[in-house]
Amino acid sequence: MTAHTSTTCPVTPVSGMVLLLCLLFLIALTLLGLSASADAILQHQLATNLRESERAKQSSLAALTWAEDWLTGLSGTAPQVCTTACEGLKLHPTGGLPSQPQFEDWSWWQAQGYEAGIDPLSGDRLVTIAANSSSPPMWIIEVMHEEPAQDDEIQVWYRILARGSGKTENSVSVTESTVTRSWSTTSSSTADKGRVAWRLLR
């Protein structure tokens, strides 16, 4: 009777090296995939932040334009400077606002100014501006300087601040403009009016 002998294939150093190389290759691929995934997430966040920042900027610009048009469209005599609603309108005196109003929160803006699209004298909503914003765009007027122009007129320079936001309060933009116009001291105003300067504060 012949005895059967079993033979096994021993693990050679070559096959062990191949296994190690495969493991190293898989680790490298995993790290590469994780890096690509993190980069994609970062790019998405950057794109979202840029979109929200632009949305906030457009909201503040729309509020600024609306406030300028409303102010220059007023007729009659110059409104009285008053930090409370004198005759329905708050007009802050020179130096009456914080040095950096762009960093005040929305509740401060709401207390000191008006929502864009609403007539502050009547309280009527004339138009809805930046409906997708997390908070309504606001505007504030400060009287900078006034001087007699000619005859029965005075020339007044106003500083208008406007705040807009994106879909979250993390994205806020504040713009500022200087507007001048003449007022009649008797009844009707003249056509001497318009924006003379503009800048982005935030």
N, C-alpha and C. Protein backbone atom coordinates (compact mmCIF):
# COMPACT_ATOMS: atom_id res chain seq x y z
N MET A 1 0.86 -1.18 0.00
CA MET A 1 0.00 0.00 0.00
C MET A 1 0.89 1.24 0.00
N THR A 2 0.53 2.05 -0.93
CA THR A 2 1.36 3.28 -1.05
C THR A 2 0.73 4.40 -0.22
N ALA A 3 1.56 5.08 0.54
CA ALA A 3 1.06 6.21 1.33
C ALA A 3 1.01 7.47 0.48
N HIS A 4 -0.15 8.16 0.59
CA HIS A 4 -0.29 9.43 -0.16
C HIS A 4 0.31 10.56 0.65
N THR A 5 1.11 11.26 0.03
CA THR A 5 1.72 12.42 0.71
C THR A 5 1.05 13.70 0.21
N SER A 6 0.65 14.59 1.15
CA SER A 6 0.01 15.86 0.77
C SER A 6 1.08 16.94 0.68
N THR A 7 0.94 17.74 -0.34
CA THR A 7 1.90 18.83 -0.53
C THR A 7 1.17 20.16 -0.39
N THR A 8 1.73 21.15 0.26
CA THR A 8 1.16 22.51 0.39
C THR A 8 2.09 23.51 -0.27
N CYS A 9 1.44 24.58 -0.76
CA CYS A 9 2.24 25.63 -1.40
C CYS A 9 2.67 26.61 -0.32
N PRO A 10 3.86 26.71 -0.02
CA PRO A 10 4.32 27.64 1.02
C PRO A 10 4.20 29.09 0.54
N VAL A 11 3.94 30.01 1.52
CA VAL A 11 3.89 31.44 1.20
C VAL A 11 5.31 31.93 1.01
N THR A 12 5.56 32.37 -0.18
CA THR A 12 6.91 32.82 -0.49
C THR A 12 7.06 34.29 -0.17
N PRO A 13 8.25 34.79 -0.01
CA PRO A 13 8.46 36.23 0.21
C PRO A 13 7.89 37.10 -0.89
N VAL A 14 7.83 36.55 -2.13
CA VAL A 14 7.31 37.32 -3.27
C VAL A 14 5.82 37.57 -3.11
N SER A 15 5.06 36.54 -2.75
CA SER A 15 3.61 36.71 -2.59
C SER A 15 3.30 37.63 -1.42
N GLY A 16 4.09 37.61 -0.37
CA GLY A 16 3.91 38.51 0.76
C GLY A 16 4.15 39.96 0.36
N MET A 17 5.13 40.17 -0.49
CA MET A 17 5.42 41.52 -0.97
C MET A 17 4.28 42.06 -1.83
N VAL A 18 3.69 41.19 -2.66
CA VAL A 18 2.57 41.59 -3.51
C VAL A 18 1.37 42.00 -2.65
N LEU A 19 1.11 41.22 -1.58
CA LEU A 19 0.02 41.55 -0.68
C LEU A 19 0.24 42.91 -0.01
N LEU A 20 1.45 43.15 0.42
CA LEU A 20 1.78 44.43 1.05
C LEU A 20 1.59 45.60 0.09
N LEU A 21 2.04 45.39 -1.16
CA LEU A 21 1.88 46.44 -2.17
C LEU A 21 0.41 46.72 -2.46
N CYS A 22 -0.39 45.65 -2.48
CA CYS A 22 -1.84 45.83 -2.71
C CYS A 22 -2.48 46.64 -1.59
N LEU A 23 -2.09 46.31 -0.36
CA LEU A 23 -2.61 47.05 0.78
C LEU A 23 -2.22 48.53 0.73
N LEU A 24 -0.97 48.79 0.40
CA LEU A 24 -0.50 50.17 0.28
C LEU A 24 -1.25 50.91 -0.83
N PHE A 25 -1.51 50.22 -1.92
CA PHE A 25 -2.23 50.82 -3.05
C PHE A 25 -3.66 51.16 -2.64
N LEU A 26 -4.32 50.24 -1.89
CA LEU A 26 -5.69 50.49 -1.43
C LEU A 26 -5.74 51.67 -0.46
N ILE A 27 -4.75 51.74 0.43
CA ILE A 27 -4.69 52.86 1.37
C ILE A 27 -4.53 54.18 0.63
N ALA A 28 -3.65 54.18 -0.38
CA ALA A 28 -3.43 55.40 -1.17
C ALA A 28 -4.71 55.82 -1.89
N LEU A 29 -5.44 54.85 -2.46
CA LEU A 29 -6.70 55.16 -3.15
C LEU A 29 -7.74 55.71 -2.18
N THR A 30 -7.79 55.13 -0.97
CA THR A 30 -8.74 55.61 0.04
C THR A 30 -8.44 57.05 0.44
N LEU A 31 -7.16 57.35 0.69
CA LEU A 31 -6.77 58.71 1.05
C LEU A 31 -7.07 59.69 -0.06
N LEU A 32 -6.85 59.24 -1.30
CA LEU A 32 -7.13 60.10 -2.46
C LEU A 32 -8.62 60.40 -2.55
N GLY A 33 -9.44 59.36 -2.32
CA GLY A 33 -10.89 59.56 -2.37
C GLY A 33 -11.38 60.49 -1.27
N LEU A 34 -10.83 60.34 -0.06
CA LEU A 34 -11.21 61.22 1.04
C LEU A 34 -10.81 62.66 0.76
N SER A 35 -9.62 62.83 0.19
CA SER A 35 -9.15 64.18 -0.14
C SER A 35 -10.04 64.83 -1.19
N ALA A 36 -10.41 64.06 -2.22
CA ALA A 36 -11.28 64.59 -3.27
C ALA A 36 -12.66 64.94 -2.72
N SER A 37 -13.16 64.10 -1.81
CA SER A 37 -14.47 64.36 -1.20
C SER A 37 -14.44 65.63 -0.35
N ALA A 38 -13.39 65.80 0.46
CA ALA A 38 -13.27 67.00 1.29
C ALA A 38 -13.14 68.24 0.42
N ASP A 39 -12.41 68.13 -0.69
CA ASP A 39 -12.26 69.27 -1.59
C ASP A 39 -13.60 69.64 -2.24
N ALA A 40 -14.38 68.63 -2.60
CA ALA A 40 -15.69 68.88 -3.21
C ALA A 40 -16.62 69.57 -2.21
N ILE A 41 -16.58 69.13 -0.95
CA ILE A 41 -17.42 69.75 0.09
C ILE A 41 -17.00 71.20 0.31
N LEU A 42 -15.69 71.44 0.34
CA LEU A 42 -15.19 72.81 0.52
C LEU A 42 -15.60 73.71 -0.63
N GLN A 43 -15.48 73.20 -1.86
CA GLN A 43 -15.86 73.99 -3.03
C GLN A 43 -17.36 74.32 -3.00
N HIS A 44 -18.15 73.36 -2.55
CA HIS A 44 -19.60 73.59 -2.46
C HIS A 44 -19.91 74.66 -1.42
N GLN A 45 -19.22 74.61 -0.27
CA GLN A 45 -19.43 75.61 0.77
C GLN A 45 -19.01 77.00 0.29
N LEU A 46 -17.89 77.07 -0.41
CA LEU A 46 -17.42 78.35 -0.94
C LEU A 46 -18.42 78.93 -1.94
N ALA A 47 -18.94 78.06 -2.81
CA ALA A 47 -19.92 78.52 -3.80
C ALA A 47 -21.20 79.00 -3.12
N THR A 48 -21.63 78.28 -2.08
CA THR A 48 -22.83 78.67 -1.34
C THR A 48 -22.63 80.02 -0.65
N ASN A 49 -21.47 80.18 0.00
CA ASN A 49 -21.18 81.45 0.68
C ASN A 49 -21.12 82.61 -0.29
N LEU A 50 -20.52 82.37 -1.47
CA LEU A 50 -20.43 83.43 -2.48
C LEU A 50 -21.82 83.80 -2.99
N ARG A 51 -22.67 82.80 -3.21
CA ARG A 51 -24.03 83.06 -3.69
C ARG A 51 -24.83 83.85 -2.65
N GLU A 52 -24.72 83.46 -1.37
CA GLU A 52 -25.45 84.17 -0.32
C GLU A 52 -24.92 85.58 -0.12
N SER A 53 -23.59 85.74 -0.26
CA SER A 53 -23.00 87.08 -0.14
C SER A 53 -23.50 88.00 -1.25
N GLU A 54 -23.60 87.46 -2.45
CA GLU A 54 -24.10 88.25 -3.58
C GLU A 54 -25.59 88.56 -3.40
N ARG A 55 -26.34 87.60 -2.87
CA ARG A 55 -27.76 87.83 -2.62
C ARG A 55 -27.96 88.97 -1.61
N ALA A 56 -27.12 88.97 -0.55
CA ALA A 56 -27.21 90.02 0.47
C ALA A 56 -26.85 91.37 -0.13
N LYS A 57 -25.83 91.40 -0.98
CA LYS A 57 -25.41 92.65 -1.61
C LYS A 57 -26.51 93.21 -2.50
N GLN A 58 -27.12 92.35 -3.30
CA GLN A 58 -28.20 92.81 -4.18
C GLN A 58 -29.40 93.30 -3.37
N SER A 59 -29.64 92.65 -2.23
CA SER A 59 -30.74 93.08 -1.36
C SER A 59 -30.49 94.47 -0.80
N SER A 60 -29.26 94.72 -0.33
CA SER A 60 -28.95 96.04 0.23
C SER A 60 -28.95 97.12 -0.85
N LEU A 61 -28.48 96.79 -2.04
CA LEU A 61 -28.50 97.76 -3.13
C LEU A 61 -29.92 98.11 -3.54
N ALA A 62 -30.80 97.09 -3.56
CA ALA A 62 -32.20 97.34 -3.89
C ALA A 62 -32.85 98.24 -2.84
N ALA A 63 -32.53 98.00 -1.56
CA ALA A 63 -33.07 98.84 -0.50
C ALA A 63 -32.53 100.26 -0.59
N LEU A 64 -31.24 100.38 -0.92
CA LEU A 64 -30.63 101.71 -1.04
C LEU A 64 -31.28 102.51 -2.17
N THR A 65 -31.45 101.88 -3.32
CA THR A 65 -32.07 102.55 -4.46
C THR A 65 -33.50 102.96 -4.14
N TRP A 66 -34.22 102.06 -3.47
CA TRP A 66 -35.61 102.37 -3.11
C TRP A 66 -35.67 103.58 -2.19
N ALA A 67 -34.80 103.61 -1.18
CA ALA A 67 -34.79 104.73 -0.23
C ALA A 67 -34.42 106.04 -0.92
N GLU A 68 -33.44 105.99 -1.83
CA GLU A 68 -33.05 107.20 -2.56
C GLU A 68 -34.21 107.72 -3.41
N ASP A 69 -34.86 106.81 -4.12
CA ASP A 69 -35.99 107.22 -4.97
C ASP A 69 -37.13 107.80 -4.12
N TRP A 70 -37.36 107.18 -2.96
CA TRP A 70 -38.44 107.67 -2.10
C TRP A 70 -38.12 109.08 -1.59
N LEU A 71 -36.87 109.28 -1.14
CA LEU A 71 -36.47 110.58 -0.60
C LEU A 71 -36.51 111.67 -1.66
N THR A 72 -35.95 111.38 -2.83
CA THR A 72 -35.91 112.40 -3.88
C THR A 72 -37.28 112.65 -4.49
N GLY A 73 -38.20 111.72 -4.27
CA GLY A 73 -39.55 111.89 -4.81
C GLY A 73 -40.48 112.66 -3.90
N LEU A 74 -40.02 112.98 -2.68
CA LEU A 74 -40.87 113.74 -1.76
C LEU A 74 -41.05 115.17 -2.25
N SER A 75 -42.19 115.73 -1.96
CA SER A 75 -42.44 117.14 -2.30
C SER A 75 -42.75 117.91 -1.04
N GLY A 76 -42.77 119.21 -1.16
CA GLY A 76 -43.05 120.04 -0.01
C GLY A 76 -41.78 120.57 0.63
N THR A 77 -41.87 120.93 1.89
CA THR A 77 -40.71 121.47 2.60
C THR A 77 -39.86 120.34 3.16
N ALA A 78 -38.63 120.68 3.55
CA ALA A 78 -37.70 119.68 4.07
C ALA A 78 -38.22 119.07 5.36
N PRO A 79 -38.15 117.72 5.49
CA PRO A 79 -38.60 117.08 6.73
C PRO A 79 -37.73 117.51 7.91
N GLN A 80 -38.32 117.51 9.08
CA GLN A 80 -37.62 117.92 10.29
C GLN A 80 -36.66 116.82 10.75
N VAL A 81 -35.47 117.21 11.24
CA VAL A 81 -34.53 116.25 11.79
C VAL A 81 -35.05 115.75 13.12
N CYS A 82 -35.22 114.44 13.23
CA CYS A 82 -35.81 113.88 14.44
C CYS A 82 -35.50 112.39 14.53
N THR A 83 -34.98 111.93 15.68
CA THR A 83 -34.64 110.51 15.83
C THR A 83 -35.86 109.67 16.17
N THR A 84 -36.92 110.28 16.66
CA THR A 84 -38.18 109.58 16.79
C THR A 84 -39.04 109.97 15.59
N ALA A 85 -40.14 109.28 15.42
CA ALA A 85 -40.93 109.50 14.21
C ALA A 85 -41.68 110.83 14.25
N CYS A 86 -40.98 111.92 13.91
CA CYS A 86 -41.62 113.23 13.81
C CYS A 86 -42.38 113.29 12.49
N GLU A 87 -43.68 113.45 12.57
CA GLU A 87 -44.53 113.47 11.37
C GLU A 87 -44.32 112.19 10.55
N GLY A 88 -44.04 111.09 11.23
CA GLY A 88 -43.94 109.80 10.56
C GLY A 88 -42.59 109.47 10.00
N LEU A 89 -41.57 110.31 10.15
CA LEU A 89 -40.27 110.06 9.54
C LEU A 89 -39.14 110.29 10.53
N LYS A 90 -38.24 109.30 10.63
CA LYS A 90 -37.03 109.44 11.46
C LYS A 90 -35.89 109.95 10.59
N LEU A 91 -35.34 111.10 10.95
CA LEU A 91 -34.17 111.64 10.28
C LEU A 91 -33.10 111.89 11.34
N HIS A 92 -32.05 111.09 11.30
CA HIS A 92 -31.02 111.18 12.33
C HIS A 92 -30.10 112.36 12.07
N PRO A 93 -29.71 113.09 13.13
CA PRO A 93 -28.80 114.22 12.96
C PRO A 93 -27.37 113.73 12.72
N THR A 94 -26.51 114.61 12.26
CA THR A 94 -25.10 114.27 12.03
C THR A 94 -24.46 113.78 13.33
N GLY A 95 -23.81 112.62 13.25
CA GLY A 95 -23.17 112.05 14.42
C GLY A 95 -24.11 111.32 15.35
N GLY A 96 -25.37 111.19 14.96
CA GLY A 96 -26.34 110.53 15.82
C GLY A 96 -26.34 109.02 15.72
N LEU A 97 -25.61 108.48 14.75
CA LEU A 97 -25.55 107.03 14.56
C LEU A 97 -24.20 106.49 15.04
N PRO A 98 -24.12 105.19 15.35
CA PRO A 98 -22.83 104.59 15.73
C PRO A 98 -21.80 104.74 14.62
N SER A 99 -20.53 104.69 14.99
CA SER A 99 -19.47 104.88 14.00
C SER A 99 -19.42 103.75 12.98
N GLN A 100 -19.88 102.56 13.36
CA GLN A 100 -19.90 101.41 12.45
C GLN A 100 -21.28 100.74 12.47
N PRO A 101 -22.25 101.39 11.89
CA PRO A 101 -23.62 100.83 11.90
C PRO A 101 -23.73 99.52 11.11
N GLN A 102 -22.75 99.25 10.25
CA GLN A 102 -22.81 98.03 9.45
C GLN A 102 -22.71 96.76 10.30
N PHE A 103 -22.26 96.90 11.55
CA PHE A 103 -22.12 95.72 12.41
C PHE A 103 -23.24 95.62 13.45
N GLU A 104 -24.21 96.53 13.38
CA GLU A 104 -25.37 96.43 14.26
C GLU A 104 -26.31 95.33 13.75
N ASP A 105 -27.05 94.71 14.69
CA ASP A 105 -27.94 93.61 14.27
C ASP A 105 -29.23 94.14 13.67
N TRP A 106 -30.04 93.21 13.17
CA TRP A 106 -31.24 93.60 12.44
C TRP A 106 -32.25 94.32 13.33
N SER A 107 -32.33 93.94 14.61
CA SER A 107 -33.29 94.59 15.50
C SER A 107 -32.95 96.07 15.70
N TRP A 108 -31.64 96.40 15.69
CA TRP A 108 -31.24 97.81 15.79
C TRP A 108 -31.68 98.56 14.54
N TRP A 109 -31.46 97.96 13.39
CA TRP A 109 -31.88 98.59 12.13
C TRP A 109 -33.40 98.79 12.11
N GLN A 110 -34.10 97.81 12.61
CA GLN A 110 -35.56 97.91 12.63
C GLN A 110 -36.02 99.04 13.53
N ALA A 111 -35.30 99.26 14.64
CA ALA A 111 -35.68 100.33 15.57
C ALA A 111 -35.31 101.71 15.04
N GLN A 112 -34.23 101.80 14.27
CA GLN A 112 -33.72 103.10 13.82
C GLN A 112 -34.19 103.51 12.42
N GLY A 113 -34.62 102.55 11.62
CA GLY A 113 -34.95 102.87 10.24
C GLY A 113 -36.27 102.29 9.79
N TYR A 114 -36.30 101.93 8.50
CA TYR A 114 -37.53 101.47 7.87
C TYR A 114 -37.27 100.30 6.93
N GLU A 115 -38.30 99.50 6.74
CA GLU A 115 -38.19 98.40 5.78
C GLU A 115 -38.35 98.95 4.36
N ALA A 116 -37.48 98.52 3.49
CA ALA A 116 -37.56 98.94 2.09
C ALA A 116 -38.85 98.41 1.46
N GLY A 117 -39.50 99.29 0.72
CA GLY A 117 -40.74 98.91 0.05
C GLY A 117 -41.98 99.40 0.77
N ILE A 118 -41.80 99.88 2.01
CA ILE A 118 -42.93 100.40 2.78
C ILE A 118 -42.77 101.92 2.93
N ASP A 119 -43.81 102.66 2.59
CA ASP A 119 -43.78 104.12 2.75
C ASP A 119 -43.79 104.45 4.24
N PRO A 120 -42.73 105.07 4.76
CA PRO A 120 -42.69 105.35 6.20
C PRO A 120 -43.72 106.36 6.66
N LEU A 121 -44.23 107.18 5.77
CA LEU A 121 -45.22 108.19 6.14
C LEU A 121 -46.62 107.61 6.26
N SER A 122 -46.94 106.70 5.36
CA SER A 122 -48.29 106.12 5.37
C SER A 122 -48.32 104.71 5.97
N GLY A 123 -47.17 104.03 5.94
CA GLY A 123 -47.14 102.65 6.41
C GLY A 123 -47.60 101.66 5.37
N ASP A 124 -47.92 102.13 4.16
CA ASP A 124 -48.40 101.24 3.09
C ASP A 124 -47.23 100.53 2.42
N ARG A 125 -47.43 99.23 2.15
CA ARG A 125 -46.42 98.50 1.38
C ARG A 125 -46.62 98.78 -0.09
N LEU A 126 -45.60 99.36 -0.71
CA LEU A 126 -45.69 99.70 -2.13
C LEU A 126 -45.11 98.61 -3.00
N VAL A 127 -44.10 97.89 -2.48
CA VAL A 127 -43.46 96.82 -3.24
C VAL A 127 -42.74 95.91 -2.25
N THR A 128 -42.58 94.64 -2.62
CA THR A 128 -41.82 93.70 -1.79
C THR A 128 -40.42 93.56 -2.37
N ILE A 129 -39.41 93.80 -1.55
CA ILE A 129 -38.02 93.75 -1.99
C ILE A 129 -37.31 92.60 -1.28
N ALA A 130 -36.55 91.81 -2.07
CA ALA A 130 -35.74 90.71 -1.53
C ALA A 130 -36.59 89.76 -0.69
N ALA A 131 -37.59 89.15 -1.33
CA ALA A 131 -38.51 88.27 -0.61
C ALA A 131 -37.81 87.01 -0.06
N ASN A 132 -36.68 86.60 -0.67
CA ASN A 132 -35.99 85.38 -0.24
C ASN A 132 -35.00 85.62 0.89
N SER A 133 -34.90 86.85 1.37
CA SER A 133 -33.94 87.15 2.44
C SER A 133 -34.46 86.64 3.78
N SER A 134 -33.51 86.37 4.70
CA SER A 134 -33.90 85.89 6.03
C SER A 134 -34.58 86.99 6.83
N SER A 135 -34.22 88.24 6.58
CA SER A 135 -34.87 89.37 7.23
C SER A 135 -35.08 90.47 6.20
N PRO A 136 -36.13 91.27 6.32
CA PRO A 136 -36.41 92.31 5.32
C PRO A 136 -35.27 93.33 5.24
N PRO A 137 -34.96 93.84 4.07
CA PRO A 137 -33.94 94.89 3.94
C PRO A 137 -34.41 96.18 4.59
N MET A 138 -33.48 96.85 5.27
CA MET A 138 -33.81 98.06 6.01
C MET A 138 -32.98 99.24 5.51
N TRP A 139 -33.47 100.46 5.76
CA TRP A 139 -32.70 101.66 5.41
C TRP A 139 -32.85 102.72 6.49
N ILE A 140 -31.82 103.56 6.61
CA ILE A 140 -31.76 104.61 7.62
C ILE A 140 -31.26 105.89 6.94
N ILE A 141 -31.80 107.02 7.34
CA ILE A 141 -31.36 108.31 6.77
C ILE A 141 -30.75 109.18 7.87
N GLU A 142 -29.60 109.76 7.55
CA GLU A 142 -28.94 110.71 8.44
C GLU A 142 -28.74 112.02 7.67
N VAL A 143 -29.11 113.14 8.31
CA VAL A 143 -28.90 114.45 7.69
C VAL A 143 -27.46 114.87 7.94
N MET A 144 -26.69 115.06 6.86
CA MET A 144 -25.27 115.39 7.00
C MET A 144 -25.01 116.88 7.08
N HIS A 145 -25.67 117.63 6.18
CA HIS A 145 -25.35 119.06 6.06
C HIS A 145 -26.46 119.75 5.28
N GLU A 146 -26.70 120.99 5.61
CA GLU A 146 -27.65 121.78 4.81
C GLU A 146 -27.18 123.23 4.74
N GLU A 147 -27.50 123.85 3.63
CA GLU A 147 -27.13 125.26 3.46
C GLU A 147 -28.11 125.92 2.51
N PRO A 148 -28.27 127.23 2.61
CA PRO A 148 -29.17 127.93 1.69
C PRO A 148 -28.66 127.82 0.26
N ALA A 149 -29.56 127.55 -0.67
CA ALA A 149 -29.18 127.45 -2.07
C ALA A 149 -29.43 128.78 -2.78
N GLN A 150 -30.65 129.11 -3.02
CA GLN A 150 -30.99 130.39 -3.64
C GLN A 150 -32.46 130.69 -3.36
N ASP A 151 -32.75 131.97 -3.34
CA ASP A 151 -34.12 132.43 -3.11
C ASP A 151 -34.71 131.78 -1.85
N ASP A 152 -35.80 131.01 -2.03
CA ASP A 152 -36.46 130.40 -0.88
C ASP A 152 -36.14 128.90 -0.78
N GLU A 153 -34.93 128.50 -1.20
CA GLU A 153 -34.55 127.08 -1.19
C GLU A 153 -33.40 126.81 -0.21
N ILE A 154 -33.35 125.57 0.25
CA ILE A 154 -32.18 125.09 1.00
C ILE A 154 -31.69 123.80 0.34
N GLN A 155 -30.38 123.57 0.39
CA GLN A 155 -29.78 122.37 -0.17
C GLN A 155 -29.38 121.47 1.00
N VAL A 156 -29.80 120.21 0.96
CA VAL A 156 -29.54 119.28 2.06
C VAL A 156 -28.81 118.04 1.53
N TRP A 157 -27.78 117.61 2.28
CA TRP A 157 -27.05 116.37 1.95
C TRP A 157 -27.46 115.30 2.96
N TYR A 158 -27.85 114.15 2.44
CA TYR A 158 -28.30 113.04 3.28
C TYR A 158 -27.35 111.85 3.12
N ARG A 159 -27.16 111.13 4.20
CA ARG A 159 -26.45 109.85 4.18
C ARG A 159 -27.49 108.75 4.34
N ILE A 160 -27.56 107.87 3.36
CA ILE A 160 -28.52 106.76 3.42
C ILE A 160 -27.76 105.45 3.60
N LEU A 161 -28.15 104.68 4.61
CA LEU A 161 -27.58 103.37 4.88
C LEU A 161 -28.63 102.31 4.59
N ALA A 162 -28.21 101.23 3.93
CA ALA A 162 -29.16 100.15 3.63
C ALA A 162 -28.53 98.81 3.98
N ARG A 163 -29.34 97.95 4.59
CA ARG A 163 -28.87 96.62 5.01
C ARG A 163 -29.70 95.54 4.33
N GLY A 164 -29.01 94.54 3.78
CA GLY A 164 -29.68 93.40 3.18
C GLY A 164 -29.03 92.12 3.65
N SER A 165 -29.75 91.02 3.56
CA SER A 165 -29.21 89.72 3.99
C SER A 165 -29.54 88.66 2.96
N GLY A 166 -28.83 87.52 3.09
CA GLY A 166 -29.13 86.37 2.24
C GLY A 166 -30.23 85.53 2.87
N LYS A 167 -30.20 84.22 2.60
CA LYS A 167 -31.22 83.35 3.17
C LYS A 167 -30.95 83.07 4.64
N THR A 168 -29.74 83.37 5.10
CA THR A 168 -29.41 83.25 6.52
C THR A 168 -28.79 84.56 6.99
N GLU A 169 -28.80 84.77 8.30
CA GLU A 169 -28.24 86.00 8.87
C GLU A 169 -26.71 85.98 8.86
N ASN A 170 -26.11 84.88 8.40
CA ASN A 170 -24.65 84.84 8.29
C ASN A 170 -24.15 85.68 7.13
N SER A 171 -25.03 85.95 6.18
CA SER A 171 -24.68 86.76 5.01
C SER A 171 -25.40 88.10 5.10
N VAL A 172 -24.64 89.14 5.40
CA VAL A 172 -25.21 90.49 5.54
C VAL A 172 -24.38 91.47 4.73
N SER A 173 -25.04 92.39 4.07
CA SER A 173 -24.35 93.43 3.31
C SER A 173 -24.95 94.78 3.67
N VAL A 174 -24.08 95.78 3.80
CA VAL A 174 -24.52 97.13 4.12
C VAL A 174 -23.90 98.10 3.12
N THR A 175 -24.72 98.90 2.49
CA THR A 175 -24.24 99.91 1.53
C THR A 175 -24.61 101.30 2.03
N GLU A 176 -23.88 102.27 1.51
CA GLU A 176 -24.07 103.66 1.94
C GLU A 176 -24.01 104.58 0.73
N SER A 177 -24.85 105.59 0.72
CA SER A 177 -24.78 106.58 -0.34
C SER A 177 -25.00 107.97 0.24
N THR A 178 -24.51 108.96 -0.48
CA THR A 178 -24.76 110.36 -0.14
C THR A 178 -25.67 110.94 -1.22
N VAL A 179 -26.78 111.48 -0.79
CA VAL A 179 -27.77 112.03 -1.71
C VAL A 179 -27.98 113.50 -1.35
N THR A 180 -28.05 114.34 -2.36
CA THR A 180 -28.35 115.75 -2.12
C THR A 180 -29.61 116.14 -2.87
N ARG A 181 -30.32 117.08 -2.30
CA ARG A 181 -31.49 117.63 -2.98
C ARG A 181 -31.83 118.98 -2.38
N SER A 182 -32.51 119.78 -3.15
CA SER A 182 -32.94 121.09 -2.67
C SER A 182 -34.41 121.03 -2.29
N TRP A 183 -34.76 121.84 -1.30
CA TRP A 183 -36.14 121.91 -0.83
C TRP A 183 -36.59 123.38 -0.87
N SER A 184 -37.82 123.56 -1.14
CA SER A 184 -38.39 124.90 -1.06
C SER A 184 -38.83 125.17 0.37
N THR A 185 -38.56 126.34 0.85
CA THR A 185 -38.98 126.69 2.21
C THR A 185 -40.45 127.09 2.26
N THR A 186 -41.07 127.13 1.09
CA THR A 186 -42.49 127.51 1.06
C THR A 186 -43.38 126.31 0.74
N SER A 187 -43.27 125.78 -0.49
CA SER A 187 -44.21 124.70 -0.83
C SER A 187 -43.58 123.56 -1.63
N SER A 188 -43.22 123.82 -2.88
CA SER A 188 -42.78 122.74 -3.76
C SER A 188 -41.26 122.69 -3.88
N SER A 189 -40.74 121.47 -4.13
CA SER A 189 -39.30 121.29 -4.26
C SER A 189 -38.88 121.39 -5.72
N THR A 190 -37.59 121.61 -5.94
CA THR A 190 -37.08 121.70 -7.30
C THR A 190 -36.52 120.35 -7.73
N ALA A 191 -35.96 120.31 -8.95
CA ALA A 191 -35.45 119.05 -9.49
C ALA A 191 -33.97 118.83 -9.19
N ASP A 192 -33.37 119.67 -8.37
CA ASP A 192 -31.95 119.55 -8.06
C ASP A 192 -31.75 118.48 -7.00
N LYS A 193 -31.51 117.23 -7.42
CA LYS A 193 -31.43 116.11 -6.49
C LYS A 193 -30.73 114.93 -7.14
N GLY A 194 -30.21 114.03 -6.31
CA GLY A 194 -29.59 112.82 -6.83
C GLY A 194 -28.42 112.33 -5.98
N ARG A 195 -27.92 111.13 -6.33
CA ARG A 195 -26.81 110.52 -5.62
C ARG A 195 -25.50 111.17 -6.02
N VAL A 196 -24.65 111.45 -5.04
CA VAL A 196 -23.34 112.05 -5.34
C VAL A 196 -22.19 111.12 -4.93
N ALA A 197 -22.45 110.10 -4.13
CA ALA A 197 -21.38 109.16 -3.73
C ALA A 197 -22.02 107.85 -3.29
N TRP A 198 -21.22 106.79 -3.36
CA TRP A 198 -21.71 105.46 -2.97
C TRP A 198 -20.52 104.59 -2.57
N ARG A 199 -20.74 103.70 -1.59
CA ARG A 199 -19.70 102.73 -1.23
C ARG A 199 -20.31 101.55 -0.49
N LEU A 200 -19.59 100.44 -0.52
CA LEU A 200 -19.99 99.22 0.16
C LEU A 200 -19.27 99.18 1.51
N LEU A 201 -20.05 99.10 2.59
CA LEU A 201 -19.47 99.08 3.93
C LEU A 201 -19.22 97.67 4.43
N ARG A 202 -20.03 96.74 3.99
CA ARG A 202 -19.91 95.36 4.49
C ARG A 202 -20.43 94.39 3.46
